[in-house]
Protein backbone atom coordinates (compact mmCIF):
# COMPACT_ATOMS: atom_id res chain seq x y z
CA MET A 1 -47.88 155.85 52.91
CA PHE A 2 -47.05 154.79 49.33
CA ARG A 3 -43.52 154.04 50.43
CA ARG A 4 -44.73 151.55 53.04
CA THR A 5 -47.12 149.94 50.57
CA PHE A 6 -44.33 149.59 48.02
CA TRP A 7 -41.96 147.91 50.50
CA PHE A 8 -44.71 145.70 51.88
CA THR A 9 -45.58 144.53 48.36
CA ALA A 10 -41.91 144.02 47.47
CA GLY A 11 -41.38 141.96 50.64
CA ALA A 12 -44.46 139.84 50.00
CA ALA A 13 -43.36 139.18 46.41
CA ALA A 14 -39.85 138.25 47.58
CA GLY A 15 -41.32 135.89 50.18
CA ILE A 16 -43.55 134.18 47.62
CA TRP A 17 -40.65 133.85 45.18
CA ALA A 18 -38.35 132.39 47.87
CA THR A 19 -41.03 129.95 49.05
CA THR A 20 -41.61 128.77 45.49
CA LYS A 21 -37.88 128.22 44.91
CA VAL A 22 -37.47 126.31 48.18
CA ASN A 23 -40.46 124.07 47.38
CA GLN A 24 -39.06 123.33 43.90
CA LYS A 25 -35.69 122.40 45.38
CA LEU A 26 -37.34 120.17 47.98
CA LYS A 27 -39.27 118.34 45.25
CA GLN A 28 -36.00 117.76 43.39
CA LEU A 29 -34.45 116.18 46.48
CA THR A 30 -37.15 113.60 47.15
CA PRO A 31 -36.02 109.96 46.83
CA GLU A 32 -38.31 109.36 43.84
CA SER A 33 -36.95 112.39 42.01
CA LEU A 34 -33.34 111.46 42.77
CA ALA A 35 -33.96 107.91 41.54
CA ALA A 36 -35.52 109.22 38.32
CA GLN A 37 -32.59 111.58 37.78
CA ALA A 38 -30.09 108.76 38.34
CA ALA A 39 -31.96 106.50 35.93
CA ASN A 40 -32.03 109.20 33.27
CA LYS A 41 -28.29 109.81 33.68
CA ALA A 42 -27.60 106.07 33.45
CA ILE A 43 -29.63 105.78 30.24
CA GLU A 44 -27.89 108.82 28.78
CA THR A 45 -24.49 107.37 29.69
CA GLY A 46 -25.44 104.05 28.10
CA HIS A 47 -26.38 105.79 24.86
CA ARG A 48 -23.10 107.70 24.86
CA LEU A 49 -21.12 104.50 25.46
CA LYS A 50 -22.99 102.76 22.65
CA ASP A 51 -22.25 105.65 20.27
CA PHE A 52 -18.59 105.59 21.32
CA ALA A 53 -18.36 101.83 20.74
CA LEU A 54 -19.95 102.19 17.29
CA ASP A 55 -17.49 104.97 16.41
CA VAL A 56 -14.56 102.85 17.58
CA ARG A 57 -15.85 99.88 15.60
CA ALA A 58 -16.22 101.99 12.45
CA GLY A 59 -12.69 103.31 12.92
CA MET A 60 -11.37 99.77 13.34
CA VAL A 61 -13.02 98.59 10.15
CA GLN A 62 -11.70 101.60 8.26
CA ARG A 63 -8.17 101.10 9.59
CA GLU A 64 -8.24 97.36 8.79
CA ALA A 65 -9.24 98.22 5.23
CA GLU A 66 -6.41 100.77 4.97
CA LEU A 67 -3.87 98.27 6.30
CA GLY A 68 -5.15 95.53 4.02
CA GLU A 69 -4.85 97.86 1.04
CA ALA A 70 -1.35 98.97 2.07
CA LEU A 71 -0.19 95.37 2.52
CA GLY A 72 -1.81 94.19 -0.69
CA LEU A 73 -4.21 91.78 0.99
CA GLU A 74 -7.35 90.95 -0.89
CA ALA A 75 -10.58 91.88 0.82
CA ALA A 76 -12.85 88.95 1.56
CA ASP A 77 -16.32 88.80 0.09
CA GLU A 78 -17.71 88.98 3.63
CA PRO A 79 -19.13 92.22 4.89
CA LEU A 80 -16.69 94.32 6.85
CA GLY A 81 -16.68 93.59 10.52
CA ARG A 82 -17.13 90.36 12.39
CA GLU A 83 -20.41 88.66 12.98
CA LEU A 84 -21.60 87.58 16.37
CA PRO A 85 -21.34 83.88 17.19
CA ALA A 86 -24.41 81.75 16.73
CA PRO A 87 -26.72 81.63 19.77
CA ARG A 88 -26.46 78.69 22.11
CA ARG A 89 -28.79 75.78 21.83
CA PRO A 90 -31.94 76.33 23.86
CA ALA A 91 -31.38 73.03 25.72
CA ALA A 92 -28.04 74.28 27.01
CA LEU A 93 -29.69 77.35 28.47
CA ASP A 94 -32.76 75.66 29.91
CA PRO A 95 -31.96 74.13 33.33
CA ARG A 96 -35.13 72.01 33.18
CA ALA A 97 -34.09 70.31 29.96
CA LYS A 98 -33.54 66.57 30.38
CA SER A 99 -30.15 65.31 29.38
CA SER A 100 -29.39 61.62 28.99
CA LYS A 101 -25.77 62.12 30.04
CA HIS A 102 -26.36 63.60 33.47
CA ALA A 103 -29.64 62.34 34.78
CA TYR A 104 -29.76 63.04 38.50
CA PRO A 105 -32.55 61.49 40.55
CA THR A 106 -35.10 63.94 41.80
CA ILE A 107 -35.38 63.75 45.57
CA THR A 108 -38.45 65.21 47.14
CA TYR A 109 -38.58 65.92 50.81
CA ASN A 110 -41.77 66.42 52.71
CA ARG A 111 -41.35 68.07 56.09
CA ASN A 112 -44.66 66.65 57.30
CA GLU A 113 -43.36 63.07 57.11
CA ASP A 114 -41.15 63.64 60.14
CA HIS A 115 -44.03 64.46 62.49
């Protein structure tokens, strides 16, 4: 009698455990979960690439300094590394900005005029 109770309880526990594991795996394979996992991996990869680029940049600056020292070049008063170019003028980026050079006439078309 105790033997049957033991095996019945062990089987029920195994069934509950297996059902829980299957449900967890199914939740991981839903489209929303897969999209969230992909987004997290993309963000993580972006951070790693940024760190790699910063390490490469630091190595470049260090090597340029070593070469400049070995060749006897004087270091400029500028900070090490190159600065980014100045941002573009806002008018060049704004497609609605009026330019006197290229003023194209605005043609409006009303479909209702044909009827």
